[in-house]
Structure formats: C-alpha cells, structure tokens
C-alpha cells in the first residue's frame, strides 16, 4: 500500500528509521 498521501506511514513498514527521523 504505497499511497502518495501516506508516504510516511508506508515507509514505516519498509524503514522505520526513515519515518522517525
């Protein structure tokens, strides 16, 4: 589920560090 609106949430599953920073 890679939506342009919830990019941060989507990234959480792939890379939690990227979203946290």
PDB file of N, CA and C in Angstrom:
ATOM      1  N   UNK A   1       0.843  -1.212   0.000  1.00  0.00           N
ATOM      2  CA  UNK A   1       0.000   0.000   0.000  1.00  0.00           C
ATOM      3  C   UNK A   1       0.876   1.260   0.000  1.00  0.00           C
ATOM      4  N   UNK A   2       1.332   1.646  -1.173  1.00  0.00           N
ATOM      5  CA  UNK A   2       2.192   2.832  -1.272  1.00  0.00           C
ATOM      6  C   UNK A   2       1.404   4.011  -1.801  1.00  0.00           C
ATOM      7  N   UNK A   3       0.766   4.737  -0.907  1.00  0.00           N
ATOM      8  CA  UNK A   3      -0.032   5.887  -1.343  1.00  0.00           C
ATOM      9  C   UNK A   3       0.790   7.168  -1.243  1.00  0.00           C
ATOM     10  N   UNK A   4       0.536   8.111  -2.154  1.00  0.00           N
ATOM     11  CA  UNK A   4       1.261   9.382  -2.175  1.00  0.00           C
ATOM     12  C   UNK A   4       0.915  10.243  -0.966  1.00  0.00           C
ATOM     13  N   UNK A   5      -0.236   9.994  -0.367  1.00  0.00           N
ATOM     14  CA  UNK A   5      -0.668  10.795   0.778  1.00  0.00           C
ATOM     15  C   UNK A   5      -0.053  10.285   2.070  1.00  0.00           C
ATOM     16  N   UNK A   6      -0.043   8.944   2.222  1.00  0.00           N
ATOM     17  CA  UNK A   6       0.510   8.363   3.454  1.00  0.00           C
ATOM     18  C   UNK A   6       1.872   7.755   3.173  1.00  0.00           C
ATOM     19  N   UNK A   7       2.758   8.543   2.657  1.00  0.00           N
ATOM     20  CA  UNK A   7       4.101   8.059   2.327  1.00  0.00           C
ATOM     21  C   UNK A   7       4.850   7.711   3.620  1.00  0.00           C
ATOM     22  N   UNK A   8       4.737   8.564   4.615  1.00  0.00           N
ATOM     23  CA  UNK A   8       5.435   8.337   5.880  1.00  0.00           C
ATOM     24  C   UNK A   8       5.000   7.028   6.523  1.00  0.00           C
ATOM     25  N   UNK A   9       3.677   6.807   6.549  1.00  0.00           N
ATOM     26  CA  UNK A   9       3.165   5.588   7.154  1.00  0.00           C
ATOM     27  C   UNK A   9       3.641   4.360   6.392  1.00  0.00           C
ATOM     28  N   UNK A  10       3.649   4.471   5.049  1.00  0.00           N
ATOM     29  CA  UNK A  10       4.078   3.344   4.205  1.00  0.00           C
ATOM     30  C   UNK A  10       5.548   3.028   4.462  1.00  0.00           C
ATOM     31  N   UNK A  11       6.334   4.076   4.612  1.00  0.00           N
ATOM     32  CA  UNK A  11       7.773   3.907   4.834  1.00  0.00           C
ATOM     33  C   UNK A  11       8.029   3.226   6.171  1.00  0.00           C
ATOM     34  N   UNK A  12       7.142   3.413   7.121  1.00  0.00           N
ATOM     35  CA  UNK A  12       7.300   2.816   8.455  1.00  0.00           C
ATOM     36  C   UNK A  12       7.516   1.305   8.337  1.00  0.00           C
ATOM     37  N   UNK A  13       6.767   0.660   7.443  1.00  0.00           N
ATOM     38  CA  UNK A  13       6.897  -0.791   7.286  1.00  0.00           C
ATOM     39  C   UNK A  13       8.209  -1.140   6.604  1.00  0.00           C
ATOM     40  N   UNK A  14       8.634  -0.277   5.702  1.00  0.00           N
ATOM     41  CA  UNK A  14       9.875  -0.547   4.965  1.00  0.00           C
ATOM     42  C   UNK A  14      11.093  -0.085   5.768  1.00  0.00           C
ATOM     43  N   UNK A  15      11.047   1.150   6.240  1.00  0.00           N
ATOM     44  CA  UNK A  15      12.177   1.689   7.016  1.00  0.00           C
ATOM     45  C   UNK A  15      11.655   2.595   8.129  1.00  0.00           C
ATOM     46  N   UNK A  16      11.523   2.048   9.346  1.00  0.00           N
ATOM     47  CA  UNK A  16      11.012   2.816  10.483  1.00  0.00           C
ATOM     48  C   UNK A  16      11.918   4.003  10.825  1.00  0.00           C
ATOM     49  N   UNK A  17      13.203   3.840  10.601  1.00  0.00           N
ATOM     50  CA  UNK A  17      14.162   4.901  10.920  1.00  0.00           C
ATOM     51  C   UNK A  17      13.909   6.120  10.040  1.00  0.00           C
ATOM     52  N   UNK A  18      13.571   5.875   8.788  1.00  0.00           N
ATOM     53  CA  UNK A  18      13.343   6.967   7.851  1.00  0.00           C
ATOM     54  C   UNK A  18      12.146   7.813   8.282  1.00  0.00           C
ATOM     55  N   UNK A  19      11.126   7.129   8.821  1.00  0.00           N
ATOM     56  CA  UNK A  19       9.929   7.849   9.249  1.00  0.00           C
ATOM     57  C   UNK A  19      10.175   8.576  10.568  1.00  0.00           C
ATOM     58  N   UNK A  20      10.913   7.935  11.454  1.00  0.00           N
ATOM     59  CA  UNK A  20      11.192   8.517  12.775  1.00  0.00           C
ATOM     60  C   UNK A  20      12.008   9.801  12.632  1.00  0.00           C
ATOM     61  N   UNK A  21      12.975   9.767  11.742  1.00  0.00           N
ATOM     62  CA  UNK A  21      13.832  10.951  11.567  1.00  0.00           C
ATOM     63  C   UNK A  21      13.060  12.045  10.858  1.00  0.00           C
TER      64      UNK A  21
END
